[in-house]
PDB file of N, CA and C in Angstrom:
ATOM      1  N   MET A   1     109.947 103.538 110.453  1.00  0.00           N
ATOM      2  CA  MET A   1     110.820 102.887 109.506  1.00  0.00           C
ATOM      3  C   MET A   1     110.099 101.668 108.945  1.00  0.00           C
ATOM      4  N   ASN A   2     110.076 101.578 107.636  1.00  0.00           N
ATOM      5  CA  ASN A   2     109.473 100.404 107.005  1.00  0.00           C
ATOM      6  C   ASN A   2     110.572  99.424 106.596  1.00  0.00           C
ATOM      7  N   LYS A   3     110.172  98.324 105.977  1.00  0.00           N
ATOM      8  CA  LYS A   3     111.122  97.267 105.640  1.00  0.00           C
ATOM      9  C   LYS A   3     112.201  97.763 104.678  1.00  0.00           C
ATOM     10  N   GLY A   4     111.819  98.536 103.686  1.00  0.00           N
ATOM     11  CA  GLY A   4     112.783  99.054 102.722  1.00  0.00           C
ATOM     12  C   GLY A   4     113.818  99.956 103.380  1.00  0.00           C
ATOM     13  N   GLU A   5     113.358 100.801 104.287  1.00  0.00           N
ATOM     14  CA  GLU A   5     114.280 101.691 105.008  1.00  0.00           C
ATOM     15  C   GLU A   5     115.204 100.883 105.916  1.00  0.00           C
ATOM     16  N   MET A   6     114.674  99.826 106.511  1.00  0.00           N
ATOM     17  CA  MET A   6     115.501  98.966 107.354  1.00  0.00           C
ATOM     18  C   MET A   6     116.586  98.291 106.517  1.00  0.00           C
ATOM     19  N   VAL A   7     116.231  97.819 105.336  1.00  0.00           N
ATOM     20  CA  VAL A   7     117.203  97.196 104.436  1.00  0.00           C
ATOM     21  C   VAL A   7     118.291  98.203 104.070  1.00  0.00           C
ATOM     22  N   ASP A   8     117.895  99.433 103.751  1.00  0.00           N
ATOM     23  CA  ASP A   8     118.870 100.462 103.397  1.00  0.00           C
ATOM     24  C   ASP A   8     119.832 100.741 104.554  1.00  0.00           C
ATOM     25  N   GLN A   9     119.296 100.878 105.767  1.00  0.00           N
ATOM     26  CA  GLN A   9     120.130 101.137 106.945  1.00  0.00           C
ATOM     27  C   GLN A   9     121.092  99.977 107.208  1.00  0.00           C
ATOM     28  N   LEU A  10     120.578  98.748 107.136  1.00  0.00           N
ATOM     29  CA  LEU A  10     121.406  97.570 107.377  1.00  0.00           C
ATOM     30  C   LEU A  10     122.515  97.467 106.335  1.00  0.00           C
ATOM     31  N   ALA A  11     122.186  97.710 105.078  1.00  0.00           N
ATOM     32  CA  ALA A  11     123.186  97.649 104.011  1.00  0.00           C
ATOM     33  C   ALA A  11     124.296  98.670 104.255  1.00  0.00           C
ATOM     34  N   ALA A  12     123.915  99.871 104.660  1.00  0.00           N
ATOM     35  CA  ALA A  12     124.907 100.919 104.891  1.00  0.00           C
ATOM     36  C   ALA A  12     125.772 100.620 106.114  1.00  0.00           C
ATOM     37  N   ARG A  13     125.163 100.178 107.210  1.00  0.00           N
ATOM     38  CA  ARG A  13     125.905  99.958 108.457  1.00  0.00           C
ATOM     39  C   ARG A  13     126.766  98.696 108.436  1.00  0.00           C
ATOM     40  N   ALA A  14     126.306  97.662 107.759  1.00  0.00           N
ATOM     41  CA  ALA A  14     127.035  96.386 107.765  1.00  0.00           C
ATOM     42  C   ALA A  14     127.847  96.174 106.489  1.00  0.00           C
ATOM     43  N   ASN A  15     127.889  97.202 105.630  1.00  0.00           N
ATOM     44  CA  ASN A  15     128.642  97.126 104.383  1.00  0.00           C
ATOM     45  C   ASN A  15     128.199  95.926 103.551  1.00  0.00           C
ATOM     46  N   LEU A  16     126.879  95.800 103.380  1.00  0.00           N
ATOM     47  CA  LEU A  16     126.294  94.732 102.583  1.00  0.00           C
ATOM     48  C   LEU A  16     125.633  95.325 101.353  1.00  0.00           C
ATOM     49  N   THR A  17     125.401  94.486 100.359  1.00  0.00           N
ATOM     50  CA  THR A  17     124.585  94.937  99.239  1.00  0.00           C
ATOM     51  C   THR A  17     123.138  94.971  99.718  1.00  0.00           C
ATOM     52  N   LYS A  18     122.313  95.731  99.017  1.00  0.00           N
ATOM     53  CA  LYS A  18     120.901  95.780  99.403  1.00  0.00           C
ATOM     54  C   LYS A  18     120.253  94.405  99.269  1.00  0.00           C
ATOM     55  N   LYS A  19     120.681  93.644  98.284  1.00  0.00           N
ATOM     56  CA  LYS A  19     120.141  92.294  98.081  1.00  0.00           C
ATOM     57  C   LYS A  19     120.463  91.417  99.292  1.00  0.00           C
ATOM     58  N   ASP A  20     121.703  91.472  99.768  1.00  0.00           N
ATOM     59  CA  ASP A  20     122.094  90.681 100.937  1.00  0.00           C
ATOM     60  C   ASP A  20     121.384  91.167 102.197  1.00  0.00           C
ATOM     61  N   ALA A  21     121.261  92.475 102.332  1.00  0.00           N
ATOM     62  CA  ALA A  21     120.585  93.034 103.508  1.00  0.00           C
ATOM     63  C   ALA A  21     119.115  92.615 103.524  1.00  0.00           C
ATOM     64  N   ARG A  22     118.457  92.619 102.358  1.00  0.00           N
ATOM     65  CA  ARG A  22     117.060  92.189 102.275  1.00  0.00           C
ATOM     66  C   ARG A  22     116.931  90.718 102.655  1.00  0.00           C
ATOM     67  N   ALA A  23     117.894  89.902 102.239  1.00  0.00           N
ATOM     68  CA  ALA A  23     117.872  88.480 102.584  1.00  0.00           C
ATOM     69  C   ALA A  23     117.989  88.294 104.095  1.00  0.00           C
ATOM     70  N   VAL A  24     118.820  89.096 104.745  1.00  0.00           N
ATOM     71  CA  VAL A  24     118.968  89.010 106.200  1.00  0.00           C
ATOM     72  C   VAL A  24     117.676  89.415 106.892  1.00  0.00           C
ATOM     73  N   VAL A  25     117.080  90.528 106.476  1.00  0.00           N
ATOM     74  CA  VAL A  25     115.826  90.989 107.087  1.00  0.00           C
ATOM     75  C   VAL A  25     114.731  89.946 106.886  1.00  0.00           C
ATOM     76  N   ASP A  26     114.639  89.399 105.674  1.00  0.00           N
ATOM     77  CA  ASP A  26     113.639  88.363 105.405  1.00  0.00           C
ATOM     78  C   ASP A  26     113.876  87.118 106.257  1.00  0.00           C
ATOM     79  N   ALA A  27     115.128  86.720 106.400  1.00  0.00           N
ATOM     80  CA  ALA A  27     115.451  85.523 107.185  1.00  0.00           C
ATOM     81  C   ALA A  27     115.048  85.685 108.644  1.00  0.00           C
ATOM     82  N   LEU A  28     115.129  86.885 109.156  1.00  0.00           N
ATOM     83  CA  LEU A  28     114.750  87.130 110.555  1.00  0.00           C
ATOM     84  C   LEU A  28     113.254  87.328 110.738  1.00  0.00           C
ATOM     85  N   PHE A  29     112.652  88.181 109.909  1.00  0.00           N
ATOM     86  CA  PHE A  29     111.309  88.671 110.196  1.00  0.00           C
ATOM     87  C   PHE A  29     110.186  88.120 109.330  1.00  0.00           C
ATOM     88  N   ASP A  30     110.469  87.282 108.352  1.00  0.00           N
ATOM     89  CA  ASP A  30     109.401  86.753 107.495  1.00  0.00           C
ATOM     90  C   ASP A  30     108.377  86.000 108.338  1.00  0.00           C
ATOM     91  N   PRO A  31     107.084  86.328 108.205  1.00  0.00           N
ATOM     92  CA  PRO A  31     106.071  85.672 109.045  1.00  0.00           C
ATOM     93  C   PRO A  31     105.881  84.182 108.754  1.00  0.00           C
ATOM     94  N   GLU A  32     106.247  83.726 107.566  1.00  0.00           N
ATOM     95  CA  GLU A  32     106.087  82.311 107.225  1.00  0.00           C
ATOM     96  C   GLU A  32     107.326  81.482 107.569  1.00  0.00           C
ATOM     97  N   ASN A  33     108.493  81.957 107.150  1.00  0.00           N
ATOM     98  CA  ASN A  33     109.712  81.155 107.280  1.00  0.00           C
ATOM     99  C   ASN A  33     110.818  81.843 108.062  1.00  0.00           C
ATOM    100  N   GLY A  34     110.545  82.961 108.690  1.00  0.00           N
ATOM    101  CA  GLY A  34     111.566  83.688 109.419  1.00  0.00           C
ATOM    102  C   GLY A  34     112.017  82.959 110.672  1.00  0.00           C
ATOM    103  N   VAL A  35     113.235  83.239 111.085  1.00  0.00           N
ATOM    104  CA  VAL A  35     113.819  82.607 112.267  1.00  0.00           C
ATOM    105  C   VAL A  35     112.957  82.868 113.502  1.00  0.00           C
ATOM    106  N   ILE A  36     112.517  84.101 113.668  1.00  0.00           N
ATOM    107  CA  ILE A  36     111.726  84.460 114.857  1.00  0.00           C
ATOM    108  C   ILE A  36     110.368  83.757 114.837  1.00  0.00           C
ATOM    109  N   SER A  37     109.661  83.813 113.715  1.00  0.00           N
ATOM    110  CA  SER A  37     108.326  83.205 113.669  1.00  0.00           C
ATOM    111  C   SER A  37     108.378  81.685 113.810  1.00  0.00           C
ATOM    112  N   GLU A  38     109.400  81.046 113.260  1.00  0.00           N
ATOM    113  CA  GLU A  38     109.526  79.592 113.406  1.00  0.00           C
ATOM    114  C   GLU A  38     109.766  79.204 114.863  1.00  0.00           C
ATOM    115  N   ALA A  39     110.603  79.964 115.547  1.00  0.00           N
ATOM    116  CA  ALA A  39     110.853  79.677 116.969  1.00  0.00           C
ATOM    117  C   ALA A  39     109.586  79.875 117.783  1.00  0.00           C
ATOM    118  N   LEU A  40     108.821  80.918 117.499  1.00  0.00           N
ATOM    119  CA  LEU A  40     107.574  81.167 118.229  1.00  0.00           C
ATOM    120  C   LEU A  40     106.565  80.055 117.975  1.00  0.00           C
ATOM    121  N   ARG A  41     106.482  79.584 116.741  1.00  0.00           N
ATOM    122  CA  ARG A  41     105.559  78.474 116.429  1.00  0.00           C
ATOM    123  C   ARG A  41     105.914  77.217 117.201  1.00  0.00           C
ATOM    124  N   LYS A  42     107.205  77.020 117.491  1.00  0.00           N
ATOM    125  CA  LYS A  42     107.647  75.861 118.263  1.00  0.00           C
ATOM    126  C   LYS A  42     107.453  76.074 119.765  1.00  0.00           C
ATOM    127  N   GLY A  43     106.985  77.249 120.155  1.00  0.00           N
ATOM    128  CA  GLY A  43     106.775  77.538 121.567  1.00  0.00           C
ATOM    129  C   GLY A  43     108.017  78.069 122.263  1.00  0.00           C
ATOM    130  N   GLU A  44     109.037  78.414 121.509  1.00  0.00           N
ATOM    131  CA  GLU A  44     110.276  78.920 122.086  1.00  0.00           C
ATOM    132  C   GLU A  44     110.212  80.443 122.236  1.00  0.00           C
ATOM    133  N   ARG A  45     111.003  80.950 123.176  1.00  0.00           N
ATOM    134  CA  ARG A  45     111.174  82.394 123.319  1.00  0.00           C
ATOM    135  C   ARG A  45     112.425  82.791 122.552  1.00  0.00           C
ATOM    136  N   VAL A  46     112.416  83.986 121.989  1.00  0.00           N
ATOM    137  CA  VAL A  46     113.581  84.504 121.287  1.00  0.00           C
ATOM    138  C   VAL A  46     114.052  85.726 122.061  1.00  0.00           C
ATOM    139  N   GLY A  47     115.185  85.589 122.741  1.00  0.00           N
ATOM    140  CA  GLY A  47     115.715  86.679 123.542  1.00  0.00           C
ATOM    141  C   GLY A  47     116.965  87.261 122.919  1.00  0.00           C
ATOM    142  N   ILE A  48     116.986  88.567 122.749  1.00  0.00           N
ATOM    143  CA  ILE A  48     118.150  89.271 122.229  1.00  0.00           C
ATOM    144  C   ILE A  48     118.610  90.196 123.350  1.00  0.00           C
ATOM    145  N   THR A  49     119.716  89.833 123.991  1.00  0.00           N
ATOM    146  CA  THR A  49     120.201  90.542 125.164  1.00  0.00           C
ATOM    147  C   THR A  49     120.297  92.043 124.902  1.00  0.00           C
ATOM    148  N   GLY A  50     119.689  92.813 125.803  1.00  0.00           N
ATOM    149  CA  GLY A  50     119.715  94.261 125.700  1.00  0.00           C
ATOM    150  C   GLY A  50     118.619  94.827 124.820  1.00  0.00           C
ATOM    151  N   PHE A  51     118.119  94.047 123.882  1.00  0.00           N
ATOM    152  CA  PHE A  51     117.082  94.526 122.965  1.00  0.00           C
ATOM    153  C   PHE A  51     115.699  94.134 123.442  1.00  0.00           C
ATOM    154  N   GLY A  52     115.475  92.827 123.664  1.00  0.00           N
ATOM    155  CA  GLY A  52     114.171  92.392 124.129  1.00  0.00           C
ATOM    156  C   GLY A  52     113.906  90.930 123.864  1.00  0.00           C
ATOM    157  N   THR A  53     112.679  90.525 124.160  1.00  0.00           N
ATOM    158  CA  THR A  53     112.273  89.133 124.047  1.00  0.00           C
ATOM    159  C   THR A  53     110.971  89.022 123.267  1.00  0.00           C
ATOM    160  N   PHE A  54     110.957  88.120 122.290  1.00  0.00           N
ATOM    161  CA  PHE A  54     109.737  87.767 121.572  1.00  0.00           C
ATOM    162  C   PHE A  54     109.218  86.489 122.195  1.00  0.00           C
ATOM    163  N   GLU A  55     107.915  86.407 122.445  1.00  0.00           N
ATOM    164  CA  GLU A  55     107.330  85.209 123.028  1.00  0.00           C
ATOM    165  C   GLU A  55     105.875  85.090 122.605  1.00  0.00           C
ATOM    166  N   VAL A  56     105.305  83.915 122.836  1.00  0.00           N
ATOM    167  CA  VAL A  56     103.890  83.686 122.553  1.00  0.00           C
ATOM    168  C   VAL A  56     103.146  83.763 123.878  1.00  0.00           C
ATOM    169  N   ARG A  57     102.097  84.546 123.903  1.00  0.00           N
ATOM    170  CA  ARG A  57     101.270  84.655 125.099  1.00  0.00           C
ATOM    171  C   ARG A  57      99.896  84.072 124.809  1.00  0.00           C
ATOM    172  N   GLU A  58      99.384  83.364 125.802  1.00  0.00           N
ATOM    173  CA  GLU A  58      98.054  82.775 125.656  1.00  0.00           C
ATOM    174  C   GLU A  58      97.021  83.697 126.267  1.00  0.00           C
ATOM    175  N   ARG A  59      95.969  83.930 125.520  1.00  0.00           N
ATOM    176  CA  ARG A  59      94.868  84.746 126.010  1.00  0.00           C
ATOM    177  C   ARG A  59      93.696  83.808 126.285  1.00  0.00           C
ATOM    178  N   GLY A  60      93.160  83.910 127.464  1.00  0.00           N
ATOM    179  CA  GLY A  60      92.055  83.043 127.832  1.00  0.00           C
ATOM    180  C   GLY A  60      90.748  83.442 127.173  1.00  0.00           C
ATOM    181  N   GLU A  61      89.807  82.530 127.219  1.00  0.00           N
ATOM    182  CA  GLU A  61      88.471  82.819 126.707  1.00  0.00           C
ATOM    183  C   GLU A  61      87.863  83.933 127.551  1.00  0.00           C
ATOM    184  N   ARG A  62      87.088  84.804 126.917  1.00  0.00           N
ATOM    185  CA  ARG A  62      86.485  85.911 127.664  1.00  0.00           C
ATOM    186  C   ARG A  62      85.193  86.345 127.000  1.00  0.00           C
ATOM    187  N   MET A  63      84.448  87.112 127.739  1.00  0.00           N
ATOM    188  CA  MET A  63      83.217  87.689 127.206  1.00  0.00           C
ATOM    189  C   MET A  63      83.510  89.129 126.784  1.00  0.00           C
ATOM    190  N   ALA A  64      82.929  89.531 125.666  1.00  0.00           N
ATOM    191  CA  ALA A  64      83.101  90.893 125.165  1.00  0.00           C
ATOM    192  C   ALA A  64      81.743  91.397 124.692  1.00  0.00           C
ATOM    193  N   ARG A  65      81.702  92.672 124.391  1.00  0.00           N
ATOM    194  CA  ARG A  65      80.451  93.276 123.937  1.00  0.00           C
ATOM    195  C   ARG A  65      80.649  93.800 122.524  1.00  0.00           C
ATOM    196  N   ASN A  66      79.726  93.448 121.640  1.00  0.00           N
ATOM    197  CA  ASN A  66      79.745  93.958 120.280  1.00  0.00           C
ATOM    198  C   ASN A  66      79.380  95.447 120.358  1.00  0.00           C
ATOM    199  N   PRO A  67      80.275  96.343 119.955  1.00  0.00           N
ATOM    200  CA  PRO A  67      79.984  97.769 120.105  1.00  0.00           C
ATOM    201  C   PRO A  67      78.829  98.258 119.233  1.00  0.00           C
ATOM    202  N   ARG A  68      78.555  97.576 118.147  1.00  0.00           N
ATOM    203  CA  ARG A  68      77.474  97.994 117.256  1.00  0.00           C
ATOM    204  C   ARG A  68      76.106  97.627 117.819  1.00  0.00           C
ATOM    205  N   THR A  69      75.978  96.390 118.342  1.00  0.00           N
ATOM    206  CA  THR A  69      74.670  95.907 118.794  1.00  0.00           C
ATOM    207  C   THR A  69      74.529  95.877 120.310  1.00  0.00           C
ATOM    208  N   GLY A  70      75.641  95.930 121.024  1.00  0.00           N
ATOM    209  CA  GLY A  70      75.589  95.831 122.480  1.00  0.00           C
ATOM    210  C   GLY A  70      75.456  94.402 122.971  1.00  0.00           C
ATOM    211  N   GLU A  71      75.410  93.448 122.052  1.00  0.00           N
ATOM    212  CA  GLU A  71      75.223  92.038 122.397  1.00  0.00           C
ATOM    213  C   GLU A  71      76.507  91.458 123.003  1.00  0.00           C
ATOM    214  N   GLN A  72      76.326  90.639 124.052  1.00  0.00           N
ATOM    215  CA  GLN A  72      77.455  89.941 124.670  1.00  0.00           C
ATOM    216  C   GLN A  72      77.864  88.783 123.754  1.00  0.00           C
ATOM    217  N   MET A  73      79.182  88.589 123.637  1.00  0.00           N
ATOM    218  CA  MET A  73      79.660  87.502 122.795  1.00  0.00           C
ATOM    219  C   MET A  73      80.900  86.881 123.419  1.00  0.00           C
ATOM    220  N   ARG A  74      81.106  85.611 123.125  1.00  0.00           N
ATOM    221  CA  ARG A  74      82.253  84.887 123.661  1.00  0.00           C
ATOM    222  C   ARG A  74      83.419  85.019 122.691  1.00  0.00           C
ATOM    223  N   VAL A  75      84.580  85.404 123.223  1.00  0.00           N
ATOM    224  CA  VAL A  75      85.797  85.469 122.426  1.00  0.00           C
ATOM    225  C   VAL A  75      86.628  84.252 122.819  1.00  0.00           C
ATOM    226  N   PRO A  76      86.924  83.358 121.877  1.00  0.00           N
ATOM    227  CA  PRO A  76      87.641  82.129 122.225  1.00  0.00           C
ATOM    228  C   PRO A  76      89.087  82.404 122.644  1.00  0.00           C
ATOM    229  N   ALA A  77      89.664  81.443 123.340  1.00  0.00           N
ATOM    230  CA  ALA A  77      91.069  81.538 123.739  1.00  0.00           C
ATOM    231  C   ALA A  77      91.931  81.591 122.482  1.00  0.00           C
ATOM    232  N   SER A  78      93.067  82.267 122.589  1.00  0.00           N
ATOM    233  CA  SER A  78      93.963  82.370 121.435  1.00  0.00           C
ATOM    234  C   SER A  78      95.398  82.556 121.904  1.00  0.00           C
ATOM    235  N   LYS A  79      96.301  82.407 120.967  1.00  0.00           N
ATOM    236  CA  LYS A  79      97.710  82.658 121.219  1.00  0.00           C
ATOM    237  C   LYS A  79      98.107  83.852 120.367  1.00  0.00           C
ATOM    238  N   THR A  80      98.954  84.712 120.913  1.00  0.00           N
ATOM    239  CA  THR A  80      99.363  85.902 120.191  1.00  0.00           C
ATOM    240  C   THR A  80     100.842  86.183 120.430  1.00  0.00           C
ATOM    241  N   PRO A  81     101.563  86.648 119.407  1.00  0.00           N
ATOM    242  CA  PRO A  81     102.967  86.988 119.609  1.00  0.00           C
ATOM    243  C   PRO A  81     103.077  88.280 120.414  1.00  0.00           C
ATOM    244  N   ALA A  82     104.118  88.372 121.220  1.00  0.00           N
ATOM    245  CA  ALA A  82     104.323  89.562 122.044  1.00  0.00           C
ATOM    246  C   ALA A  82     105.804  89.891 122.097  1.00  0.00           C
ATOM    247  N   PHE A  83     106.098  91.150 122.325  1.00  0.00           N
ATOM    248  CA  PHE A  83     107.476  91.600 122.464  1.00  0.00           C
ATOM    249  C   PHE A  83     107.607  92.376 123.762  1.00  0.00           C
ATOM    250  N   ARG A  84     108.644  92.070 124.527  1.00  0.00           N
ATOM    251  CA  ARG A  84     108.931  92.803 125.760  1.00  0.00           C
ATOM    252  C   ARG A  84     110.317  93.414 125.601  1.00  0.00           C
ATOM    253  N   ALA A  85     110.393  94.729 125.682  1.00  0.00           N
ATOM    254  CA  ALA A  85     111.666  95.428 125.496  1.00  0.00           C
ATOM    255  C   ALA A  85     112.632  95.111 126.621  1.00  0.00           C
ATOM    256  N   GLY A  86     113.914  95.012 126.292  1.00  0.00           N
ATOM    257  CA  GLY A  86     114.959  94.764 127.269  1.00  0.00           C
ATOM    258  C   GLY A  86     115.347  96.045 127.999  1.00  0.00           C
ATOM    259  N   LYS A  87     116.089  95.884 129.059  1.00  0.00           N
ATOM    260  CA  LYS A  87     116.485  97.008 129.914  1.00  0.00           C
ATOM    261  C   LYS A  87     117.258  98.080 129.136  1.00  0.00           C
ATOM    262  N   ALA A  88     118.246  97.664 128.350  1.00  0.00           N
ATOM    263  CA  ALA A  88     119.061  98.626 127.610  1.00  0.00           C
ATOM    264  C   ALA A  88     118.220  99.419 126.614  1.00  0.00           C
ATOM    265  N   LEU A  89     117.293  98.773 125.940  1.00  0.00           N
ATOM    266  CA  LEU A  89     116.424  99.464 124.989  1.00  0.00           C
ATOM    267  C   LEU A  89     115.519 100.455 125.706  1.00  0.00           C
ATOM    268  N   LYS A  90     114.961 100.036 126.828  1.00  0.00           N
ATOM    269  CA  LYS A  90     114.112 100.938 127.608  1.00  0.00           C
ATOM    270  C   LYS A  90     114.880 102.162 128.069  1.00  0.00           C
ATOM    271  N   GLU A  91     116.113 101.952 128.515  1.00  0.00           N
ATOM    272  CA  GLU A  91     116.929 103.063 129.002  1.00  0.00           C
ATOM    273  C   GLU A  91     117.270 104.031 127.868  1.00  0.00           C
ATOM    274  N   ARG A  92     117.460 103.525 126.650  1.00  0.00           N
ATOM    275  CA  ARG A  92     117.761 104.385 125.503  1.00  0.00           C
ATOM    276  C   ARG A  92     116.584 105.268 125.112  1.00  0.00           C
ATOM    277  N   MET A  93     115.379 104.844 125.436  1.00  0.00           N
ATOM    278  CA  MET A  93     114.176 105.596 125.079  1.00  0.00           C
ATOM    279  C   MET A  93     113.930 106.786 125.997  1.00  0.00           C
ATOM    280  N   SER A  94     114.592 106.805 127.145  1.00  0.00           N
ATOM    281  CA  SER A  94     114.378 107.889 128.114  1.00  0.00           C
ATOM    282  C   SER A  94     115.136 109.127 127.737  1.00  0.00           C
TER     283      SER A  94
END
């Protein structure tokens, strides 16, 4: 499902116009100004009971190998967004 399909589904299920549904999807998921991304930038976790948790995970510095040259290289520490599915979502997938 892409963003357009998500907007269509949300509009149909919540009895919204497509314009309003797109605004809701953008407000939640926009990487620059979305509710989720802003909370993650502040170091907060976003937990949606039954669905899952969005959080920032820190990856330590490590050594890796360039597959083209075989040369060892240092990969600096970084932060990355992560999602962990909730119990109810996991159970629905079975």
